[in-house]
mmCIF file of all heavy atoms, coordinates in Angstrom:
data_MODEL
# 
_entry.id   MODEL 
# 
loop_
_atom_site.group_PDB 
_atom_site.id 
_atom_site.type_symbol 
_atom_site.label_atom_id 
_atom_site.label_alt_id 
_atom_site.label_comp_id 
_atom_site.label_asym_id 
_atom_site.label_entity_id 
_atom_site.label_seq_id 
_atom_site.pdbx_PDB_ins_code 
_atom_site.Cartn_x 
_atom_site.Cartn_y 
_atom_site.Cartn_z 
_atom_site.occupancy 
_atom_site.B_iso_or_equiv 
_atom_site.pdbx_formal_charge 
_atom_site.auth_seq_id 
_atom_site.auth_comp_id 
_atom_site.auth_asym_id 
_atom_site.auth_atom_id 
_atom_site.pdbx_PDB_model_num 
ATOM 1   N N   . LEU A 1 1  ? 0.845   -1.214  -0.011 1.00 0.00 ? 1  LEU A N   1 
ATOM 2   C CA  . LEU A 1 1  ? -0.030  -0.020  0.007  1.00 0.00 ? 1  LEU A CA  1 
ATOM 3   C C   . LEU A 1 1  ? 0.913   1.219   -0.026 1.00 0.00 ? 1  LEU A C   1 
ATOM 4   O O   . LEU A 1 1  ? 1.775   1.384   0.851  1.00 0.00 ? 1  LEU A O   1 
ATOM 5   C CB  . LEU A 1 1  ? -0.895  0.038   1.236  1.00 0.00 ? 1  LEU A CB  1 
ATOM 6   C CG  . LEU A 1 1  ? -1.803  1.246   1.355  1.00 0.00 ? 1  LEU A CG  1 
ATOM 7   C CD1 . LEU A 1 1  ? -2.886  1.253   0.313  1.00 0.00 ? 1  LEU A CD1 1 
ATOM 8   C CD2 . LEU A 1 1  ? -2.416  1.315   2.788  1.00 0.00 ? 1  LEU A CD2 1 
ATOM 9   N N   . THR A 1 2  ? 0.717   2.115   -0.968 1.00 0.00 ? 2  THR A N   1 
ATOM 10  C CA  . THR A 1 2  ? 1.442   3.396   -0.954 1.00 0.00 ? 2  THR A CA  1 
ATOM 11  C C   . THR A 1 2  ? 0.428   4.541   -0.829 1.00 0.00 ? 2  THR A C   1 
ATOM 12  O O   . THR A 1 2  ? -0.646  4.485   -1.417 1.00 0.00 ? 2  THR A O   1 
ATOM 13  C CB  . THR A 1 2  ? 2.230   3.567   -2.250 1.00 0.00 ? 2  THR A CB  1 
ATOM 14  O OG1 . THR A 1 2  ? 1.337   3.661   -3.386 1.00 0.00 ? 2  THR A OG1 1 
ATOM 15  C CG2 . THR A 1 2  ? 3.209   2.465   -2.464 1.00 0.00 ? 2  THR A CG2 1 
ATOM 16  N N   . ILE A 1 3  ? 0.743   5.462   0.030  1.00 0.00 ? 3  ILE A N   1 
ATOM 17  C CA  . ILE A 1 3  ? 0.006   6.673   0.208  1.00 0.00 ? 3  ILE A CA  1 
ATOM 18  C C   . ILE A 1 3  ? 0.950   7.831   -0.085 1.00 0.00 ? 3  ILE A C   1 
ATOM 19  O O   . ILE A 1 3  ? 1.839   8.181   0.717  1.00 0.00 ? 3  ILE A O   1 
ATOM 20  C CB  . ILE A 1 3  ? -0.524  6.758   1.682  1.00 0.00 ? 3  ILE A CB  1 
ATOM 21  C CG1 . ILE A 1 3  ? -1.279  5.508   2.100  1.00 0.00 ? 3  ILE A CG1 1 
ATOM 22  C CG2 . ILE A 1 3  ? -1.371  7.960   1.911  1.00 0.00 ? 3  ILE A CG2 1 
ATOM 23  C CD1 . ILE A 1 3  ? -1.642  5.450   3.570  1.00 0.00 ? 3  ILE A CD1 1 
ATOM 24  N N   . ASP A 1 4  ? 0.813   8.365   -1.319 1.00 0.00 ? 4  ASP A N   1 
ATOM 25  C CA  . ASP A 1 4  ? 1.833   9.277   -1.866 1.00 0.00 ? 4  ASP A CA  1 
ATOM 26  C C   . ASP A 1 4  ? 3.174   8.629   -1.804 1.00 0.00 ? 4  ASP A C   1 
ATOM 27  O O   . ASP A 1 4  ? 3.388   7.632   -2.471 1.00 0.00 ? 4  ASP A O   1 
ATOM 28  C CB  . ASP A 1 4  ? 1.773   10.635  -1.158 1.00 0.00 ? 4  ASP A CB  1 
ATOM 29  C CG  . ASP A 1 4  ? 0.656   11.542  -1.681 1.00 0.00 ? 4  ASP A CG  1 
ATOM 30  O OD1 . ASP A 1 4  ? 0.069   11.212  -2.740 1.00 0.00 ? 4  ASP A OD1 1 
ATOM 31  O OD2 . ASP A 1 4  ? 0.345   12.516  -1.029 1.00 0.00 ? 4  ASP A OD2 1 
ATOM 32  N N   . ASP A 1 5  ? 4.085   9.138   -1.041 1.00 0.00 ? 5  ASP A N   1 
ATOM 33  C CA  . ASP A 1 5  ? 5.492   8.596   -1.037 1.00 0.00 ? 5  ASP A CA  1 
ATOM 34  C C   . ASP A 1 5  ? 5.732   7.623   0.095  1.00 0.00 ? 5  ASP A C   1 
ATOM 35  O O   . ASP A 1 5  ? 6.817   7.206   0.347  1.00 0.00 ? 5  ASP A O   1 
ATOM 36  C CB  . ASP A 1 5  ? 6.491   9.756   -0.970 1.00 0.00 ? 5  ASP A CB  1 
ATOM 37  C CG  . ASP A 1 5  ? 6.425   10.559  0.269  1.00 0.00 ? 5  ASP A CG  1 
ATOM 38  O OD1 . ASP A 1 5  ? 5.305   10.656  0.839  1.00 0.00 ? 5  ASP A OD1 1 
ATOM 39  O OD2 . ASP A 1 5  ? 7.390   11.172  0.700  1.00 0.00 ? 5  ASP A OD2 1 
ATOM 40  N N   . GLN A 1 6  ? 4.695   7.287   0.868  1.00 0.00 ? 6  GLN A N   1 
ATOM 41  C CA  . GLN A 1 6  ? 4.804   6.258   1.915  1.00 0.00 ? 6  GLN A CA  1 
ATOM 42  C C   . GLN A 1 6  ? 4.418   4.915   1.405  1.00 0.00 ? 6  GLN A C   1 
ATOM 43  O O   . GLN A 1 6  ? 3.370   4.751   0.818  1.00 0.00 ? 6  GLN A O   1 
ATOM 44  C CB  . GLN A 1 6  ? 3.872   6.610   3.082  1.00 0.00 ? 6  GLN A CB  1 
ATOM 45  C CG  . GLN A 1 6  ? 4.087   7.965   3.779  1.00 0.00 ? 6  GLN A CG  1 
ATOM 46  C CD  . GLN A 1 6  ? 3.080   8.202   4.838  1.00 0.00 ? 6  GLN A CD  1 
ATOM 47  O OE1 . GLN A 1 6  ? 3.313   8.048   5.990  1.00 0.00 ? 6  GLN A OE1 1 
ATOM 48  N NE2 . GLN A 1 6  ? 1.814   8.402   4.434  1.00 0.00 ? 6  GLN A NE2 1 
ATOM 49  N N   . SER A 1 7  ? 5.268   3.897   1.656  1.00 0.00 ? 7  SER A N   1 
ATOM 50  C CA  . SER A 1 7  ? 4.944   2.522   1.263  1.00 0.00 ? 7  SER A CA  1 
ATOM 51  C C   . SER A 1 7  ? 5.028   1.582   2.493  1.00 0.00 ? 7  SER A C   1 
ATOM 52  O O   . SER A 1 7  ? 5.839   1.788   3.347  1.00 0.00 ? 7  SER A O   1 
ATOM 53  C CB  . SER A 1 7  ? 5.989   2.063   0.215  1.00 0.00 ? 7  SER A CB  1 
ATOM 54  O OG  . SER A 1 7  ? 5.801   2.732   -1.039 1.00 0.00 ? 7  SER A OG  1 
ATOM 55  N N   . MET A 1 8  ? 4.096   0.594   2.482  1.00 0.00 ? 8  MET A N   1 
ATOM 56  C CA  . MET A 1 8  ? 4.124   -0.335  3.556  1.00 0.00 ? 8  MET A CA  1 
ATOM 57  C C   . MET A 1 8  ? 3.588   -1.676  3.013  1.00 0.00 ? 8  MET A C   1 
ATOM 58  O O   . MET A 1 8  ? 2.777   -1.721  2.112  1.00 0.00 ? 8  MET A O   1 
ATOM 59  C CB  . MET A 1 8  ? 3.201   0.156   4.696  1.00 0.00 ? 8  MET A CB  1 
ATOM 60  C CG  . MET A 1 8  ? 1.764   0.434   4.351  1.00 0.00 ? 8  MET A CG  1 
ATOM 61  S SD  . MET A 1 8  ? 0.903   1.640   5.434  1.00 0.00 ? 8  MET A SD  1 
ATOM 62  C CE  . MET A 1 8  ? 1.435   3.150   4.661  1.00 0.00 ? 8  MET A CE  1 
ATOM 63  N N   . VAL A 1 9  ? 4.067   -2.767  3.552  1.00 0.00 ? 9  VAL A N   1 
ATOM 64  C CA  . VAL A 1 9  ? 3.657   -4.122  3.212  1.00 0.00 ? 9  VAL A CA  1 
ATOM 65  C C   . VAL A 1 9  ? 2.581   -4.530  4.262  1.00 0.00 ? 9  VAL A C   1 
ATOM 66  O O   . VAL A 1 9  ? 2.844   -4.534  5.480  1.00 0.00 ? 9  VAL A O   1 
ATOM 67  C CB  . VAL A 1 9  ? 4.811   -5.104  3.200  1.00 0.00 ? 9  VAL A CB  1 
ATOM 68  C CG1 . VAL A 1 9  ? 4.273   -6.523  2.931  1.00 0.00 ? 9  VAL A CG1 1 
ATOM 69  C CG2 . VAL A 1 9  ? 5.865   -4.662  2.222  1.00 0.00 ? 9  VAL A CG2 1 
ATOM 70  N N   . LEU A 1 10 ? 1.383   -4.823  3.769  1.00 0.00 ? 10 LEU A N   1 
ATOM 71  C CA  . LEU A 1 10 ? 0.286   -5.178  4.660  1.00 0.00 ? 10 LEU A CA  1 
ATOM 72  C C   . LEU A 1 10 ? -0.324  -6.517  4.185  1.00 0.00 ? 10 LEU A C   1 
ATOM 73  O O   . LEU A 1 10 ? -0.185  -6.950  3.073  1.00 0.00 ? 10 LEU A O   1 
ATOM 74  C CB  . LEU A 1 10 ? -0.793  -4.103  4.550  1.00 0.00 ? 10 LEU A CB  1 
ATOM 75  C CG  . LEU A 1 10 ? -0.419  -2.662  4.975  1.00 0.00 ? 10 LEU A CG  1 
ATOM 76  C CD1 . LEU A 1 10 ? -1.566  -1.749  4.772  1.00 0.00 ? 10 LEU A CD1 1 
ATOM 77  C CD2 . LEU A 1 10 ? 0.033   -2.649  6.445  1.00 0.00 ? 10 LEU A CD2 1 
ATOM 78  N N   . PRO A 1 11 ? -1.058  -7.200  5.151  1.00 0.00 ? 11 PRO A N   1 
ATOM 79  C CA  . PRO A 1 11 ? -1.718  -8.440  4.765  1.00 0.00 ? 11 PRO A CA  1 
ATOM 80  C C   . PRO A 1 11 ? -2.850  -8.212  3.723  1.00 0.00 ? 11 PRO A C   1 
ATOM 81  O O   . PRO A 1 11 ? -3.532  -7.193  3.844  1.00 0.00 ? 11 PRO A O   1 
ATOM 82  C CB  . PRO A 1 11 ? -2.331  -8.941  6.097  1.00 0.00 ? 11 PRO A CB  1 
ATOM 83  C CG  . PRO A 1 11 ? -1.585  -8.223  7.170  1.00 0.00 ? 11 PRO A CG  1 
ATOM 84  C CD  . PRO A 1 11 ? -1.162  -6.920  6.604  1.00 0.00 ? 11 PRO A CD  1 
ATOM 85  N N   . ALA A 1 12 ? -2.905  -9.082  2.721  1.00 0.00 ? 12 ALA A N   1 
ATOM 86  C CA  . ALA A 1 12 ? -3.919  -8.936  1.671  1.00 0.00 ? 12 ALA A CA  1 
ATOM 87  C C   . ALA A 1 12 ? -5.220  -9.525  2.176  1.00 0.00 ? 12 ALA A C   1 
ATOM 88  O O   . ALA A 1 12 ? -5.658  -10.578 1.755  1.00 0.00 ? 12 ALA A O   1 
ATOM 89  C CB  . ALA A 1 12 ? -3.407  -9.632  0.386  1.00 0.00 ? 12 ALA A CB  1 
ATOM 90  N N   . LYS A 1 13 ? -5.877  -8.739  3.045  1.00 0.00 ? 13 LYS A N   1 
ATOM 91  C CA  . LYS A 1 13 ? -7.187  -9.119  3.584  1.00 0.00 ? 13 LYS A CA  1 
ATOM 92  C C   . LYS A 1 13 ? -7.829  -7.852  4.174  1.00 0.00 ? 13 LYS A C   1 
ATOM 93  O O   . LYS A 1 13 ? -7.183  -6.813  4.252  1.00 0.00 ? 13 LYS A O   1 
ATOM 94  C CB  . LYS A 1 13 ? -7.016  -10.231 4.599  1.00 0.00 ? 13 LYS A CB  1 
ATOM 95  C CG  . LYS A 1 13 ? -6.231  -9.830  5.826  1.00 0.00 ? 13 LYS A CG  1 
ATOM 96  C CD  . LYS A 1 13 ? -6.078  -11.002 6.826  1.00 0.00 ? 13 LYS A CD  1 
ATOM 97  C CE  . LYS A 1 13 ? -5.301  -10.569 8.060  1.00 0.00 ? 13 LYS A CE  1 
ATOM 98  N NZ  . LYS A 1 13 ? -5.151  -11.663 9.034  1.00 0.00 ? 13 LYS A NZ  1 
ATOM 99  N N   . GLY A 1 14 ? -9.001  -8.038  4.611  1.00 0.00 ? 14 GLY A N   1 
ATOM 100 C CA  . GLY A 1 14 ? -9.697  -6.871  5.229  1.00 0.00 ? 14 GLY A CA  1 
ATOM 101 C C   . GLY A 1 14 ? -10.238 -5.894  4.209  1.00 0.00 ? 14 GLY A C   1 
ATOM 102 O O   . GLY A 1 14 ? -10.196 -6.117  3.018  1.00 0.00 ? 14 GLY A O   1 
ATOM 103 N N   . GLU A 1 15 ? -10.687 -4.728  4.742  1.00 0.00 ? 15 GLU A N   1 
ATOM 104 C CA  . GLU A 1 15 ? -11.296 -3.725  3.872  1.00 0.00 ? 15 GLU A CA  1 
ATOM 105 C C   . GLU A 1 15 ? -10.625 -2.385  4.108  1.00 0.00 ? 15 GLU A C   1 
ATOM 106 O O   . GLU A 1 15 ? -10.246 -2.040  5.209  1.00 0.00 ? 15 GLU A O   1 
ATOM 107 C CB  . GLU A 1 15 ? -12.742 -3.595  4.206  1.00 0.00 ? 15 GLU A CB  1 
ATOM 108 C CG  . GLU A 1 15 ? -13.587 -2.714  3.299  1.00 0.00 ? 15 GLU A CG  1 
ATOM 109 C CD  . GLU A 1 15 ? -15.050 -2.793  3.460  1.00 0.00 ? 15 GLU A CD  1 
ATOM 110 O OE1 . GLU A 1 15 ? -15.596 -2.094  4.407  1.00 0.00 ? 15 GLU A OE1 1 
ATOM 111 O OE2 . GLU A 1 15 ? -15.694 -3.541  2.675  1.00 0.00 ? 15 GLU A OE2 1 
ATOM 112 N N   . PHE A 1 16 ? -10.463 -1.633  3.005  1.00 0.00 ? 16 PHE A N   1 
ATOM 113 C CA  . PHE A 1 16 ? -9.876  -0.307  3.006  1.00 0.00 ? 16 PHE A CA  1 
ATOM 114 C C   . PHE A 1 16 ? -10.878 0.663   2.380  1.00 0.00 ? 16 PHE A C   1 
ATOM 115 O O   . PHE A 1 16 ? -11.393 0.435   1.324  1.00 0.00 ? 16 PHE A O   1 
ATOM 116 C CB  . PHE A 1 16 ? -8.582  -0.279  2.265  1.00 0.00 ? 16 PHE A CB  1 
ATOM 117 C CG  . PHE A 1 16 ? -7.535  -1.145  2.824  1.00 0.00 ? 16 PHE A CG  1 
ATOM 118 C CD1 . PHE A 1 16 ? -7.550  -2.524  2.663  1.00 0.00 ? 16 PHE A CD1 1 
ATOM 119 C CD2 . PHE A 1 16 ? -6.471  -0.604  3.587  1.00 0.00 ? 16 PHE A CD2 1 
ATOM 120 C CE1 . PHE A 1 16 ? -6.562  -3.343  3.219  1.00 0.00 ? 16 PHE A CE1 1 
ATOM 121 C CE2 . PHE A 1 16 ? -5.497  -1.398  4.154  1.00 0.00 ? 16 PHE A CE2 1 
ATOM 122 C CZ  . PHE A 1 16 ? -5.551  -2.755  4.001  1.00 0.00 ? 16 PHE A CZ  1 
ATOM 123 N N   . ARG A 1 17 ? -11.203 1.734   3.129  1.00 0.00 ? 17 ARG A N   1 
ATOM 124 C CA  . ARG A 1 17 ? -12.181 2.685   2.696  1.00 0.00 ? 17 ARG A CA  1 
ATOM 125 C C   . ARG A 1 17 ? -11.476 3.989   2.285  1.00 0.00 ? 17 ARG A C   1 
ATOM 126 O O   . ARG A 1 17 ? -10.778 4.578   3.057  1.00 0.00 ? 17 ARG A O   1 
ATOM 127 C CB  . ARG A 1 17 ? -13.239 2.980   3.817  1.00 0.00 ? 17 ARG A CB  1 
ATOM 128 C CG  . ARG A 1 17 ? -14.407 3.811   3.350  1.00 0.00 ? 17 ARG A CG  1 
ATOM 129 C CD  . ARG A 1 17 ? -15.522 3.796   4.369  1.00 0.00 ? 17 ARG A CD  1 
ATOM 130 N NE  . ARG A 1 17 ? -15.160 4.589   5.590  1.00 0.00 ? 17 ARG A NE  1 
ATOM 131 C CZ  . ARG A 1 17 ? -14.879 4.013   6.721  1.00 0.00 ? 17 ARG A CZ  1 
ATOM 132 N NH1 . ARG A 1 17 ? -14.882 2.707   6.880  1.00 0.00 ? 17 ARG A NH1 1 
ATOM 133 N NH2 . ARG A 1 17 ? -14.603 4.788   7.764  1.00 0.00 ? 17 ARG A NH2 1 
ATOM 134 N N   . VAL A 1 18 ? -11.769 4.380   1.010  1.00 0.00 ? 18 VAL A N   1 
ATOM 135 C CA  . VAL A 1 18 ? -11.130 5.632   0.526  1.00 0.00 ? 18 VAL A CA  1 
ATOM 136 C C   . VAL A 1 18 ? -12.209 6.626   0.288  1.00 0.00 ? 18 VAL A C   1 
ATOM 137 O O   . VAL A 1 18 ? -13.260 6.349   -0.320 1.00 0.00 ? 18 VAL A O   1 
ATOM 138 C CB  . VAL A 1 18 ? -10.400 5.335   -0.787 1.00 0.00 ? 18 VAL A CB  1 
ATOM 139 C CG1 . VAL A 1 18 ? -9.752  6.596   -1.404 1.00 0.00 ? 18 VAL A CG1 1 
ATOM 140 C CG2 . VAL A 1 18 ? -9.315  4.249   -0.600 1.00 0.00 ? 18 VAL A CG2 1 
ATOM 141 N N   . LYS A 1 19 ? -11.957 7.896   0.770  1.00 0.00 ? 19 LYS A N   1 
ATOM 142 C CA  . LYS A 1 19 ? -12.954 8.924   0.629  1.00 0.00 ? 19 LYS A CA  1 
ATOM 143 C C   . LYS A 1 19 ? -12.242 10.272  0.582  1.00 0.00 ? 19 LYS A C   1 
ATOM 144 O O   . LYS A 1 19 ? -11.036 10.391  0.854  1.00 0.00 ? 19 LYS A O   1 
ATOM 145 C CB  . LYS A 1 19 ? -13.937 8.855   1.813  1.00 0.00 ? 19 LYS A CB  1 
ATOM 146 C CG  . LYS A 1 19 ? -13.276 9.041   3.156  1.00 0.00 ? 19 LYS A CG  1 
ATOM 147 C CD  . LYS A 1 19 ? -14.294 8.910   4.292  1.00 0.00 ? 19 LYS A CD  1 
ATOM 148 C CE  . LYS A 1 19 ? -13.645 9.045   5.684  1.00 0.00 ? 19 LYS A CE  1 
ATOM 149 N NZ  . LYS A 1 19 ? -14.616 8.962   6.774  1.00 0.00 ? 19 LYS A NZ  1 
ATOM 150 N N   . LYS A 1 20 ? -12.976 11.311  0.348  1.00 0.00 ? 20 LYS A N   1 
ATOM 151 C CA  . LYS A 1 20 ? -12.466 12.701  0.321  1.00 0.00 ? 20 LYS A CA  1 
ATOM 152 C C   . LYS A 1 20 ? -12.005 13.049  1.719  1.00 0.00 ? 20 LYS A C   1 
ATOM 153 O O   . LYS A 1 20 ? -12.741 12.824  2.720  1.00 0.00 ? 20 LYS A O   1 
ATOM 154 C CB  . LYS A 1 20 ? -13.478 13.656  -0.204 1.00 0.00 ? 20 LYS A CB  1 
ATOM 155 C CG  . LYS A 1 20 ? -13.000 15.073  -0.271 1.00 0.00 ? 20 LYS A CG  1 
ATOM 156 C CD  . LYS A 1 20 ? -14.142 16.022  -0.760 1.00 0.00 ? 20 LYS A CD  1 
ATOM 157 C CE  . LYS A 1 20 ? -13.647 17.488  -0.800 1.00 0.00 ? 20 LYS A CE  1 
ATOM 158 N NZ  . LYS A 1 20 ? -14.782 18.381  -1.235 1.00 0.00 ? 20 LYS A NZ  1 
ATOM 159 N N   . ALA A 1 21 ? -10.841 13.712  1.845  1.00 0.00 ? 21 ALA A N   1 
ATOM 160 C CA  . ALA A 1 21 ? -10.379 14.209  3.119  1.00 0.00 ? 21 ALA A CA  1 
ATOM 161 C C   . ALA A 1 21 ? -11.142 15.432  3.583  1.00 0.00 ? 21 ALA A C   1 
ATOM 162 O O   . ALA A 1 21 ? -11.680 16.154  2.728  1.00 0.00 ? 21 ALA A O   1 
ATOM 163 C CB  . ALA A 1 21 ? -8.873  14.506  3.052  1.00 0.00 ? 21 ALA A CB  1 
ATOM 164 N N   . PRO A 1 22 ? -11.209 15.730  4.922  1.00 0.00 ? 22 PRO A N   1 
ATOM 165 C CA  . PRO A 1 22 ? -11.971 16.823  5.392  1.00 0.00 ? 22 PRO A CA  1 
ATOM 166 C C   . PRO A 1 22 ? -11.184 18.130  5.294  1.00 0.00 ? 22 PRO A C   1 
ATOM 167 O O   . PRO A 1 22 ? -11.711 19.171  5.725  1.00 0.00 ? 22 PRO A O   1 
ATOM 168 C CB  . PRO A 1 22 ? -12.208 16.442  6.869  1.00 0.00 ? 22 PRO A CB  1 
ATOM 169 C CG  . PRO A 1 22 ? -11.054 15.599  7.251  1.00 0.00 ? 22 PRO A CG  1 
ATOM 170 C CD  . PRO A 1 22 ? -10.710 14.800  5.988  1.00 0.00 ? 22 PRO A CD  1 
ATOM 171 N N   . PHE A 1 23 ? -10.049 18.185  4.754  1.00 0.00 ? 23 PHE A N   1 
ATOM 172 C CA  . PHE A 1 23 ? -9.279  19.410  4.526  1.00 0.00 ? 23 PHE A CA  1 
ATOM 173 C C   . PHE A 1 23 ? -8.543  19.400  3.189  1.00 0.00 ? 23 PHE A C   1 
ATOM 174 O O   . PHE A 1 23 ? -8.640  18.327  2.480  1.00 0.00 ? 23 PHE A O   1 
ATOM 175 C CB  . PHE A 1 23 ? -8.266  19.559  5.683  1.00 0.00 ? 23 PHE A CB  1 
ATOM 176 C CG  . PHE A 1 23 ? -7.246  18.421  5.755  1.00 0.00 ? 23 PHE A CG  1 
ATOM 177 C CD1 . PHE A 1 23 ? -6.064  18.432  5.095  1.00 0.00 ? 23 PHE A CD1 1 
ATOM 178 C CD2 . PHE A 1 23 ? -7.553  17.288  6.525  1.00 0.00 ? 23 PHE A CD2 1 
ATOM 179 C CE1 . PHE A 1 23 ? -5.155  17.379  5.192  1.00 0.00 ? 23 PHE A CE1 1 
ATOM 180 C CE2 . PHE A 1 23 ? -6.674  16.258  6.601  1.00 0.00 ? 23 PHE A CE2 1 
ATOM 181 C CZ  . PHE A 1 23 ? -5.453  16.308  5.914  1.00 0.00 ? 23 PHE A CZ  1 
ATOM 182 N N   . SER A 1 24 ? -7.985  20.481  2.758  1.00 0.00 ? 24 SER A N   1 
ATOM 183 C CA  . SER A 1 24 ? -7.372  20.626  1.483  1.00 0.00 ? 24 SER A CA  1 
ATOM 184 C C   . SER A 1 24 ? -5.949  20.993  1.583  1.00 0.00 ? 24 SER A C   1 
ATOM 185 O O   . SER A 1 24 ? -5.497  21.458  2.622  1.00 0.00 ? 24 SER A O   1 
ATOM 186 C CB  . SER A 1 24 ? -8.151  21.648  0.604  1.00 0.00 ? 24 SER A CB  1 
ATOM 187 O OG  . SER A 1 24 ? -9.518  21.336  0.492  1.00 0.00 ? 24 SER A OG  1 
ATOM 188 N N   . THR A 1 25 ? -5.223  20.945  0.464  1.00 0.00 ? 25 THR A N   1 
ATOM 189 C CA  . THR A 1 25 ? -3.872  21.486  0.336  1.00 0.00 ? 25 THR A CA  1 
ATOM 190 C C   . THR A 1 25 ? -3.997  22.742  -0.564 1.00 0.00 ? 25 THR A C   1 
ATOM 191 O O   . THR A 1 25 ? -4.664  22.724  -1.582 1.00 0.00 ? 25 THR A O   1 
ATOM 192 C CB  . THR A 1 25 ? -2.895  20.517  -0.290 1.00 0.00 ? 25 THR A CB  1 
ATOM 193 O OG1 . THR A 1 25 ? -2.669  19.416  0.687  1.00 0.00 ? 25 THR A OG1 1 
ATOM 194 C CG2 . THR A 1 25 ? -1.534  21.204  -0.520 1.00 0.00 ? 25 THR A CG2 1 
ATOM 195 N N   . LEU A 1 26 ? -3.381  23.848  -0.077 1.00 0.00 ? 26 LEU A N   1 
ATOM 196 C CA  . LEU A 1 26 ? -3.417  25.090  -0.872 1.00 0.00 ? 26 LEU A CA  1 
ATOM 197 C C   . LEU A 1 26 ? -2.093  25.341  -1.622 1.00 0.00 ? 26 LEU A C   1 
ATOM 198 O O   . LEU A 1 26 ? -1.007  25.357  -0.980 1.00 0.00 ? 26 LEU A O   1 
ATOM 199 C CB  . LEU A 1 26 ? -3.710  26.235  0.112  1.00 0.00 ? 26 LEU A CB  1 
ATOM 200 C CG  . LEU A 1 26 ? -4.926  26.122  0.966  1.00 0.00 ? 26 LEU A CG  1 
ATOM 201 C CD1 . LEU A 1 26 ? -5.111  27.355  1.886  1.00 0.00 ? 26 LEU A CD1 1 
ATOM 202 C CD2 . LEU A 1 26 ? -6.178  25.881  0.157  1.00 0.00 ? 26 LEU A CD2 1 
ATOM 203 N N   . LEU A 1 27 ? -2.195  25.490  -2.935 1.00 0.00 ? 27 LEU A N   1 
ATOM 204 C CA  . LEU A 1 27 ? -1.017  25.775  -3.800 1.00 0.00 ? 27 LEU A CA  1 
ATOM 205 C C   . LEU A 1 27 ? -0.980  27.188  -4.208 1.00 0.00 ? 27 LEU A C   1 
ATOM 206 O O   . LEU A 1 27 ? -2.044  27.754  -4.671 1.00 0.00 ? 27 LEU A O   1 
ATOM 207 C CB  . LEU A 1 27 ? -1.047  24.854  -5.019 1.00 0.00 ? 27 LEU A CB  1 
ATOM 208 C CG  . LEU A 1 27 ? -0.451  23.463  -4.926 1.00 0.00 ? 27 LEU A CG  1 
ATOM 209 C CD1 . LEU A 1 27 ? -1.291  22.584  -4.004 1.00 0.00 ? 27 LEU A CD1 1 
ATOM 210 C CD2 . LEU A 1 27 ? -0.299  22.826  -6.287 1.00 0.00 ? 27 LEU A CD2 1 
ATOM 211 N N   . ILE A 1 28 ? 0.145   27.795  -4.200 1.00 0.00 ? 28 ILE A N   1 
ATOM 212 C CA  . ILE A 1 28 ? 0.331   29.122  -4.683 1.00 0.00 ? 28 ILE A CA  1 
ATOM 213 C C   . ILE A 1 28 ? 0.765   29.024  -6.191 1.00 0.00 ? 28 ILE A C   1 
ATOM 214 O O   . ILE A 1 28 ? 1.680   28.330  -6.570 1.00 0.00 ? 28 ILE A O   1 
ATOM 215 C CB  . ILE A 1 28 ? 1.403   29.946  -3.948 1.00 0.00 ? 28 ILE A CB  1 
ATOM 216 C CG1 . ILE A 1 28 ? 0.878   30.240  -2.532 1.00 0.00 ? 28 ILE A CG1 1 
ATOM 217 C CG2 . ILE A 1 28 ? 1.776   31.224  -4.674 1.00 0.00 ? 28 ILE A CG2 1 
ATOM 218 C CD1 . ILE A 1 28 ? 1.840   30.923  -1.634 1.00 0.00 ? 28 ILE A CD1 1 
# 
């Protein structure tokens, strides 16, 4: 599983829920 530049090895089981975050990143 990678989250941007973070990688981790996890068991291939269970459930992962992906949704919109409650905050934003602001770019100039």
